[in-house]
Amino acid sequence: MKVKAKIVARYGNQEGRLKAIATVCLDGEFLVTGVRVVDCQKGLTVFMPSREVSTGEYRDICFPITSELYKQVRDSVLDAYMQPEVTE
């Protein structure tokens, strides 16, 4: 599966763990928005979009079923995050 990510917002200069928001395109046919890049204890981590449920917990809205697809999504998002920011 072809996975392509684009960083749509960066928060690197602000305090806090959230560093960026990305959009991921799967096979040029399906977009996943709201993918988060978060600075955790073990380094940068990619989290899928989630929504708060009535119990106050957060549940992922969508997620890769296979570990291979998760790795592709993670690597694509982190690669996009590491690219220099382009100013237009």
PDB file of N, CA and C in Angstrom:
ATOM      1  N   MET A   1       0.846  -1.173   0.000  1.00  0.00           N
ATOM      2  CA  MET A   1       0.000   0.000   0.000  1.00  0.00           C
ATOM      3  C   MET A   1       0.892   1.237   0.000  1.00  0.00           C
ATOM      4  N   LYS A   2       0.536   2.201  -0.817  1.00  0.00           N
ATOM      5  CA  LYS A   2       1.285   3.449  -0.869  1.00  0.00           C
ATOM      6  C   LYS A   2       0.743   4.398   0.197  1.00  0.00           C
ATOM      7  N   VAL A   3       1.637   4.862   1.061  1.00  0.00           N
ATOM      8  CA  VAL A   3       1.253   5.761   2.156  1.00  0.00           C
ATOM      9  C   VAL A   3       2.031   7.059   2.005  1.00  0.00           C
ATOM     10  N   LYS A   4       1.312   8.168   1.985  1.00  0.00           N
ATOM     11  CA  LYS A   4       1.945   9.480   1.863  1.00  0.00           C
ATOM     12  C   LYS A   4       1.390  10.389   2.949  1.00  0.00           C
ATOM     13  N   ALA A   5       2.286  11.097   3.640  1.00  0.00           N
ATOM     14  CA  ALA A   5       1.854  11.975   4.737  1.00  0.00           C
ATOM     15  C   ALA A   5       2.267  13.416   4.462  1.00  0.00           C
ATOM     16  N   LYS A   6       1.450  14.329   4.968  1.00  0.00           N
ATOM     17  CA  LYS A   6       1.740  15.756   4.863  1.00  0.00           C
ATOM     18  C   LYS A   6       1.467  16.389   6.225  1.00  0.00           C
ATOM     19  N   ILE A   7       2.419  17.167   6.708  1.00  0.00           N
ATOM     20  CA  ILE A   7       2.223  17.893   7.968  1.00  0.00           C
ATOM     21  C   ILE A   7       1.389  19.129   7.658  1.00  0.00           C
ATOM     22  N   VAL A   8       0.259  19.280   8.347  1.00  0.00           N
ATOM     23  CA  VAL A   8      -0.628  20.415   8.090  1.00  0.00           C
ATOM     24  C   VAL A   8      -0.502  21.496   9.163  1.00  0.00           C
ATOM     25  N   ALA A   9       0.060  21.158  10.323  1.00  0.00           N
ATOM     26  CA  ALA A   9       0.281  22.147  11.386  1.00  0.00           C
ATOM     27  C   ALA A   9       1.462  21.699  12.233  1.00  0.00           C
ATOM     28  N   ARG A  10       2.316  22.659  12.587  1.00  0.00           N
ATOM     29  CA  ARG A  10       3.471  22.387  13.458  1.00  0.00           C
ATOM     30  C   ARG A  10       3.339  23.197  14.736  1.00  0.00           C
ATOM     31  N   TYR A  11       3.723  22.587  15.854  1.00  0.00           N
ATOM     32  CA  TYR A  11       3.661  23.246  17.153  1.00  0.00           C
ATOM     33  C   TYR A  11       4.989  23.147  17.882  1.00  0.00           C
ATOM     34  N   GLY A  12       6.090  23.015  17.146  1.00  0.00           N
ATOM     35  CA  GLY A  12       7.405  22.785  17.717  1.00  0.00           C
ATOM     36  C   GLY A  12       7.928  23.901  18.598  1.00  0.00           C
ATOM     37  N   ASN A  13       7.526  25.147  18.343  1.00  0.00           N
ATOM     38  CA  ASN A  13       8.042  26.271  19.119  1.00  0.00           C
ATOM     39  C   ASN A  13       7.262  26.523  20.398  1.00  0.00           C
ATOM     40  N   GLN A  14       6.183  25.803  20.592  1.00  0.00           N
ATOM     41  CA  GLN A  14       5.360  25.984  21.783  1.00  0.00           C
ATOM     42  C   GLN A  14       5.672  24.887  22.787  1.00  0.00           C
ATOM     43  N   GLU A  15       5.436  25.205  24.061  1.00  0.00           N
ATOM     44  CA  GLU A  15       5.604  24.169  25.075  1.00  0.00           C
ATOM     45  C   GLU A  15       4.473  23.162  24.936  1.00  0.00           C
ATOM     46  N   GLY A  16       4.726  21.974  25.391  1.00  0.00           N
ATOM     47  CA  GLY A  16       3.721  20.917  25.301  1.00  0.00           C
ATOM     48  C   GLY A  16       4.243  19.765  24.481  1.00  0.00           C
ATOM     49  N   ARG A  17       3.549  18.669  24.568  1.00  0.00           N
ATOM     50  CA  ARG A  17       4.000  17.449  23.913  1.00  0.00           C
ATOM     51  C   ARG A  17       3.579  17.343  22.457  1.00  0.00           C
ATOM     52  N   LEU A  18       2.463  17.962  22.076  1.00  0.00           N
ATOM     53  CA  LEU A  18       1.988  17.902  20.700  1.00  0.00           C
ATOM     54  C   LEU A  18       2.937  18.700  19.805  1.00  0.00           C
ATOM     55  N   LYS A  19       3.483  18.041  18.782  1.00  0.00           N
ATOM     56  CA  LYS A  19       4.454  18.696  17.905  1.00  0.00           C
ATOM     57  C   LYS A  19       3.901  18.995  16.521  1.00  0.00           C
ATOM     58  N   ALA A  20       2.938  18.181  16.046  1.00  0.00           N
ATOM     59  CA  ALA A  20       2.408  18.412  14.707  1.00  0.00           C
ATOM     60  C   ALA A  20       1.119  17.621  14.494  1.00  0.00           C
ATOM     61  N   ILE A  21       0.378  18.065  13.471  1.00  0.00           N
ATOM     62  CA  ILE A  21      -0.812  17.363  12.996  1.00  0.00           C
ATOM     63  C   ILE A  21      -0.553  17.025  11.529  1.00  0.00           C
ATOM     64  N   ALA A  22      -0.897  15.797  11.147  1.00  0.00           N
ATOM     65  CA  ALA A  22      -0.657  15.349   9.772  1.00  0.00           C
ATOM     66  C   ALA A  22      -1.932  14.807   9.142  1.00  0.00           C
ATOM     67  N   THR A  23      -1.906  14.784   7.809  1.00  0.00           N
ATOM     68  CA  THR A  23      -2.913  14.102   7.011  1.00  0.00           C
ATOM     69  C   THR A  23      -2.197  12.986   6.274  1.00  0.00           C
ATOM     70  N   VAL A  24      -2.788  11.809   6.258  1.00  0.00           N
ATOM     71  CA  VAL A  24      -2.193  10.647   5.612  1.00  0.00           C
ATOM     72  C   VAL A  24      -3.104  10.203   4.476  1.00  0.00           C
ATOM     73  N   CYS A  25      -2.497   9.963   3.305  1.00  0.00           N
ATOM     74  CA  CYS A  25      -3.230   9.480   2.145  1.00  0.00           C
ATOM     75  C   CYS A  25      -2.830   8.029   1.885  1.00  0.00           C
ATOM     76  N   LEU A  26      -3.820   7.156   1.774  1.00  0.00           N
ATOM     77  CA  LEU A  26      -3.594   5.734   1.539  1.00  0.00           C
ATOM     78  C   LEU A  26      -3.957   5.387   0.098  1.00  0.00           C
ATOM     79  N   ASP A  27      -2.977   4.920  -0.635  1.00  0.00           N
ATOM     80  CA  ASP A  27      -3.151   4.523  -2.043  1.00  0.00           C
ATOM     81  C   ASP A  27      -3.783   5.607  -2.907  1.00  0.00           C
ATOM     82  N   GLY A  28      -3.624   6.858  -2.540  1.00  0.00           N
ATOM     83  CA  GLY A  28      -4.193   7.942  -3.328  1.00  0.00           C
ATOM     84  C   GLY A  28      -5.707   7.954  -3.350  1.00  0.00           C
ATOM     85  N   GLU A  29      -6.340   7.208  -2.419  1.00  0.00           N
ATOM     86  CA  GLU A  29      -7.789   7.072  -2.447  1.00  0.00           C
ATOM     87  C   GLU A  29      -8.497   7.340  -1.134  1.00  0.00           C
ATOM     88  N   PHE A  30      -7.763   7.350  -0.026  1.00  0.00           N
ATOM     89  CA  PHE A  30      -8.419   7.495   1.286  1.00  0.00           C
ATOM     90  C   PHE A  30      -7.561   8.404   2.160  1.00  0.00           C
ATOM     91  N   LEU A  31      -8.154   9.468   2.716  1.00  0.00           N
ATOM     92  CA  LEU A  31      -7.439  10.402   3.590  1.00  0.00           C
ATOM     93  C   LEU A  31      -7.795  10.170   5.045  1.00  0.00           C
ATOM     94  N   VAL A  32      -6.786  10.237   5.889  1.00  0.00           N
ATOM     95  CA  VAL A  32      -6.967  10.196   7.335  1.00  0.00           C
ATOM     96  C   VAL A  32      -6.428  11.516   7.863  1.00  0.00           C
ATOM     97  N   THR A  33      -7.295  12.327   8.462  1.00  0.00           N
ATOM     98  CA  THR A  33      -6.868  13.615   8.995  1.00  0.00           C
ATOM     99  C   THR A  33      -6.771  13.534  10.515  1.00  0.00           C
ATOM    100  N   GLY A  34      -6.012  14.448  11.094  1.00  0.00           N
ATOM    101  CA  GLY A  34      -5.924  14.514  12.543  1.00  0.00           C
ATOM    102  C   GLY A  34      -4.925  13.546  13.155  1.00  0.00           C
ATOM    103  N   VAL A  35      -3.974  13.051  12.362  1.00  0.00           N
ATOM    104  CA  VAL A  35      -2.922  12.186  12.902  1.00  0.00           C
ATOM    105  C   VAL A  35      -1.948  13.082  13.664  1.00  0.00           C
ATOM    106  N   ARG A  36      -1.623  12.710  14.897  1.00  0.00           N
ATOM    107  CA  ARG A  36      -0.810  13.573  15.763  1.00  0.00           C
ATOM    108  C   ARG A  36       0.610  13.039  15.929  1.00  0.00           C
ATOM    109  N   VAL A  37       1.571  13.976  15.951  1.00  0.00           N
ATOM    110  CA  VAL A  37       2.958  13.672  16.306  1.00  0.00           C
ATOM    111  C   VAL A  37       3.160  14.226  17.710  1.00  0.00           C
ATOM    112  N   VAL A  38       3.505  13.337  18.645  1.00  0.00           N
ATOM    113  CA  VAL A  38       3.608  13.719  20.061  1.00  0.00           C
ATOM    114  C   VAL A  38       4.994  13.342  20.574  1.00  0.00           C
ATOM    115  N   ASP A  39       5.589  14.234  21.360  1.00  0.00           N
ATOM    116  CA  ASP A  39       6.888  13.967  21.978  1.00  0.00           C
ATOM    117  C   ASP A  39       6.634  13.246  23.304  1.00  0.00           C
ATOM    118  N   CYS A  40       6.944  11.942  23.339  1.00  0.00           N
ATOM    119  CA  CYS A  40       6.748  11.116  24.529  1.00  0.00           C
ATOM    120  C   CYS A  40       8.105  10.803  25.162  1.00  0.00           C
ATOM    121  N   GLN A  41       8.093  10.084  26.263  1.00  0.00           N
ATOM    122  CA  GLN A  41       9.330   9.735  26.956  1.00  0.00           C
ATOM    123  C   GLN A  41      10.295   8.973  26.071  1.00  0.00           C
ATOM    124  N   LYS A  42       9.787   8.128  25.189  1.00  0.00           N
ATOM    125  CA  LYS A  42      10.649   7.323  24.318  1.00  0.00           C
ATOM    126  C   LYS A  42      10.920   7.998  22.980  1.00  0.00           C
ATOM    127  N   GLY A  43      10.534   9.253  22.815  1.00  0.00           N
ATOM    128  CA  GLY A  43      10.753   9.976  21.562  1.00  0.00           C
ATOM    129  C   GLY A  43       9.443  10.300  20.870  1.00  0.00           C
ATOM    130  N   LEU A  44       9.554  10.689  19.609  1.00  0.00           N
ATOM    131  CA  LEU A  44       8.371  11.065  18.846  1.00  0.00           C
ATOM    132  C   LEU A  44       7.512   9.838  18.556  1.00  0.00           C
ATOM    133  N   THR A  45       6.210   9.994  18.772  1.00  0.00           N
ATOM    134  CA  THR A  45       5.257   8.914  18.574  1.00  0.00           C
ATOM    135  C   THR A  45       4.114   9.433  17.709  1.00  0.00           C
ATOM    136  N   VAL A  46       3.553   8.561  16.895  1.00  0.00           N
ATOM    137  CA  VAL A  46       2.436   8.911  16.017  1.00  0.00           C
ATOM    138  C   VAL A  46       1.163   8.307  16.591  1.00  0.00           C
ATOM    139  N   PHE A  47       0.137   9.147  16.745  1.00  0.00           N
ATOM    140  CA  PHE A  47      -1.165   8.706  17.250  1.00  0.00           C
ATOM    141  C   PHE A  47      -2.233   8.957  16.200  1.00  0.00           C
ATOM    142  N   MET A  48      -3.105   7.990  16.025  1.00  0.00           N
ATOM    143  CA  MET A  48      -4.208   8.120  15.094  1.00  0.00           C
ATOM    144  C   MET A  48      -5.264   9.056  15.691  1.00  0.00           C
ATOM    145  N   PRO A  49      -6.151   9.598  14.847  1.00  0.00           N
ATOM    146  CA  PRO A  49      -7.195  10.489  15.362  1.00  0.00           C
ATOM    147  C   PRO A  49      -8.093   9.772  16.366  1.00  0.00           C
ATOM    148  N   SER A  50      -8.520  10.497  17.375  1.00  0.00           N
ATOM    149  CA  SER A  50      -9.375   9.896  18.404  1.00  0.00           C
ATOM    150  C   SER A  50     -10.488  10.866  18.772  1.00  0.00           C
ATOM    151  N   ARG A  51     -11.452  10.325  19.488  1.00  0.00           N
ATOM    152  CA  ARG A  51     -12.605  11.114  19.920  1.00  0.00           C
ATOM    153  C   ARG A  51     -12.927  10.734  21.352  1.00  0.00           C
ATOM    154  N   GLU A  52     -13.343  11.722  22.148  1.00  0.00           N
ATOM    155  CA  GLU A  52     -13.721  11.448  23.534  1.00  0.00           C
ATOM    156  C   GLU A  52     -15.113  10.827  23.564  1.00  0.00           C
ATOM    157  N   VAL A  53     -15.251   9.739  24.325  1.00  0.00           N
ATOM    158  CA  VAL A  53     -16.544   9.074  24.473  1.00  0.00           C
ATOM    159  C   VAL A  53     -17.177   9.500  25.807  1.00  0.00           C
ATOM    160  N   SER A  54     -18.392   9.065  26.040  1.00  0.00           N
ATOM    161  CA  SER A  54     -19.162   9.531  27.197  1.00  0.00           C
ATOM    162  C   SER A  54     -18.492   9.222  28.535  1.00  0.00           C
ATOM    163  N   THR A  55     -17.617   8.223  28.585  1.00  0.00           N
ATOM    164  CA  THR A  55     -16.938   7.884  29.840  1.00  0.00           C
ATOM    165  C   THR A  55     -15.737   8.780  30.111  1.00  0.00           C
ATOM    166  N   GLY A  56     -15.405   9.661  29.157  1.00  0.00           N
ATOM    167  CA  GLY A  56     -14.247  10.520  29.306  1.00  0.00           C
ATOM    168  C   GLY A  56     -12.981   9.931  28.707  1.00  0.00           C
ATOM    169  N   GLU A  57     -13.067   8.686  28.264  1.00  0.00           N
ATOM    170  CA  GLU A  57     -11.922   8.044  27.623  1.00  0.00           C
ATOM    171  C   GLU A  57     -11.834   8.503  26.165  1.00  0.00           C
ATOM    172  N   TYR A  58     -10.640   8.367  25.602  1.00  0.00           N
ATOM    173  CA  TYR A  58     -10.450   8.651  24.184  1.00  0.00           C
ATOM    174  C   TYR A  58     -10.297   7.343  23.435  1.00  0.00           C
ATOM    175  N   ARG A  59     -11.001   7.238  22.314  1.00  0.00           N
ATOM    176  CA  ARG A  59     -10.944   6.035  21.480  1.00  0.00           C
ATOM    177  C   ARG A  59     -10.538   6.445  20.073  1.00  0.00           C
ATOM    178  N   ASP A  60      -9.655   5.642  19.475  1.00  0.00           N
ATOM    179  CA  ASP A  60      -9.248   5.910  18.102  1.00  0.00           C
ATOM    180  C   ASP A  60     -10.448   5.805  17.174  1.00  0.00           C
ATOM    181  N   ILE A  61     -10.515   6.708  16.216  1.00  0.00           N
ATOM    182  CA  ILE A  61     -11.584   6.704  15.220  1.00  0.00           C
ATOM    183  C   ILE A  61     -11.258   5.704  14.120  1.00  0.00           C
ATOM    184  N   CYS A  62     -10.009   5.660  13.730  1.00  0.00           N
ATOM    185  CA  CYS A  62      -9.552   4.712  12.714  1.00  0.00           C
ATOM    186  C   CYS A  62      -8.142   4.281  13.087  1.00  0.00           C
ATOM    187  N   PHE A  63      -7.749   3.127  12.601  1.00  0.00           N
ATOM    188  CA  PHE A  63      -6.420   2.630  12.950  1.00  0.00           C
ATOM    189  C   PHE A  63      -6.023   1.526  11.988  1.00  0.00           C
ATOM    190  N   PRO A  64      -4.721   1.388  11.738  1.00  0.00           N
ATOM    191  CA  PRO A  64      -4.252   0.299  10.890  1.00  0.00           C
ATOM    192  C   PRO A  64      -4.465  -1.039  11.597  1.00  0.00           C
ATOM    193  N   ILE A  65      -4.884  -2.033  10.864  1.00  0.00           N
ATOM    194  CA  ILE A  65      -5.128  -3.344  11.456  1.00  0.00           C
ATOM    195  C   ILE A  65      -3.843  -4.164  11.526  1.00  0.00           C
ATOM    196  N   THR A  66      -2.980  -4.005  10.534  1.00  0.00           N
ATOM    197  CA  THR A  66      -1.737  -4.782  10.539  1.00  0.00           C
ATOM    198  C   THR A  66      -0.570  -3.932  11.053  1.00  0.00           C
ATOM    199  N   SER A  67       0.397  -4.610  11.628  1.00  0.00           N
ATOM    200  CA  SER A  67       1.578  -3.901  12.128  1.00  0.00           C
ATOM    201  C   SER A  67       2.388  -3.320  10.968  1.00  0.00           C
ATOM    202  N   GLU A  68       2.329  -3.950   9.803  1.00  0.00           N
ATOM    203  CA  GLU A  68       3.058  -3.433   8.645  1.00  0.00           C
ATOM    204  C   GLU A  68       2.494  -2.082   8.198  1.00  0.00           C
ATOM    205  N   LEU A  69       1.164  -1.976   8.150  1.00  0.00           N
ATOM    206  CA  LEU A  69       0.559  -0.707   7.754  1.00  0.00           C
ATOM    207  C   LEU A  69       0.810   0.354   8.815  1.00  0.00           C
ATOM    208  N   TYR A  70       0.735  -0.010  10.093  1.00  0.00           N
ATOM    209  CA  TYR A  70       1.028   0.962  11.143  1.00  0.00           C
ATOM    210  C   TYR A  70       2.454   1.503  10.979  1.00  0.00           C
ATOM    211  N   LYS A  71       3.408   0.625  10.703  1.00  0.00           N
ATOM    212  CA  LYS A  71       4.794   1.044  10.527  1.00  0.00           C
ATOM    213  C   LYS A  71       4.926   1.976   9.326  1.00  0.00           C
ATOM    214  N   GLN A  72       4.231   1.664   8.220  1.00  0.00           N
ATOM    215  CA  GLN A  72       4.268   2.532   7.044  1.00  0.00           C
ATOM    216  C   GLN A  72       3.712   3.918   7.370  1.00  0.00           C
ATOM    217  N   VAL A  73       2.585   3.967   8.077  1.00  0.00           N
ATOM    218  CA  VAL A  73       1.972   5.247   8.449  1.00  0.00           C
ATOM    219  C   VAL A  73       2.917   6.013   9.364  1.00  0.00           C
ATOM    220  N   ARG A  74       3.419   5.359  10.401  1.00  0.00           N
ATOM    221  CA  ARG A  74       4.327   6.006  11.349  1.00  0.00           C
ATOM    222  C   ARG A  74       5.558   6.560  10.645  1.00  0.00           C
ATOM    223  N   ASP A  75       6.197   5.744   9.826  1.00  0.00           N
ATOM    224  CA  ASP A  75       7.410   6.179   9.142  1.00  0.00           C
ATOM    225  C   ASP A  75       7.143   7.337   8.186  1.00  0.00           C
ATOM    226  N   SER A  76       6.026   7.268   7.472  1.00  0.00           N
ATOM    227  CA  SER A  76       5.679   8.337   6.541  1.00  0.00           C
ATOM    228  C   SER A  76       5.422   9.654   7.267  1.00  0.00           C
ATOM    229  N   VAL A  77       4.700   9.600   8.376  1.00  0.00           N
ATOM    230  CA  VAL A  77       4.402  10.815   9.153  1.00  0.00           C
ATOM    231  C   VAL A  77       5.686  11.384   9.755  1.00  0.00           C
ATOM    232  N   LEU A  78       6.508  10.540  10.350  1.00  0.00           N
ATOM    233  CA  LEU A  78       7.744  11.040  10.960  1.00  0.00           C
ATOM    234  C   LEU A  78       8.712  11.566   9.905  1.00  0.00           C
ATOM    235  N   ASP A  79       8.775  10.934   8.734  1.00  0.00           N
ATOM    236  CA  ASP A  79       9.609  11.457   7.641  1.00  0.00           C
ATOM    237  C   ASP A  79       9.138  12.842   7.222  1.00  0.00           C
ATOM    238  N   ALA A  80       7.823  13.022   7.089  1.00  0.00           N
ATOM    239  CA  ALA A  80       7.275  14.326   6.718  1.00  0.00           C
ATOM    240  C   ALA A  80       7.566  15.357   7.801  1.00  0.00           C
ATOM    241  N   TYR A  81       7.481  14.949   9.056  1.00  0.00           N
ATOM    242  CA  TYR A  81       7.746  15.864  10.174  1.00  0.00           C
ATOM    243  C   TYR A  81       9.206  16.319  10.180  1.00  0.00           C
ATOM    244  N   MET A  82      10.117  15.424   9.831  1.00  0.00           N
ATOM    245  CA  MET A  82      11.545  15.745   9.869  1.00  0.00           C
ATOM    246  C   MET A  82      11.991  16.631   8.705  1.00  0.00           C
ATOM    247  N   GLN A  83      11.177  16.734   7.679  1.00  0.00           N
ATOM    248  CA  GLN A  83      11.525  17.591   6.543  1.00  0.00           C
ATOM    249  C   GLN A  83      11.469  19.053   6.980  1.00  0.00           C
ATOM    250  N   PRO A  84      12.374  19.872   6.428  1.00  0.00           N
ATOM    251  CA  PRO A  84      12.333  21.301   6.774  1.00  0.00           C
ATOM    252  C   PRO A  84      11.003  21.926   6.383  1.00  0.00           C
ATOM    253  N   GLU A  85      10.548  22.844   7.200  1.00  0.00           N
ATOM    254  CA  GLU A  85       9.281  23.520   6.923  1.00  0.00           C
ATOM    255  C   GLU A  85       9.439  24.440   5.726  1.00  0.00           C
ATOM    256  N   VAL A  86       8.531  24.357   4.783  1.00  0.00           N
ATOM    257  CA  VAL A  86       8.582  25.189   3.580  1.00  0.00           C
ATOM    258  C   VAL A  86       7.684  26.390   3.797  1.00  0.00           C
ATOM    259  N   THR A  87       8.238  27.587   3.610  1.00  0.00           N
ATOM    260  CA  THR A  87       7.445  28.813   3.723  1.00  0.00           C
ATOM    261  C   THR A  87       7.158  29.336   2.328  1.00  0.00           C
ATOM    262  N   GLU A  88       5.929  29.710   2.108  1.00  0.00           N
ATOM    263  CA  GLU A  88       5.538  30.167   0.774  1.00  0.00           C
ATOM    264  C   GLU A  88       5.354  31.650   0.770  1.00  0.00           C
TER     265      GLU A  88
END
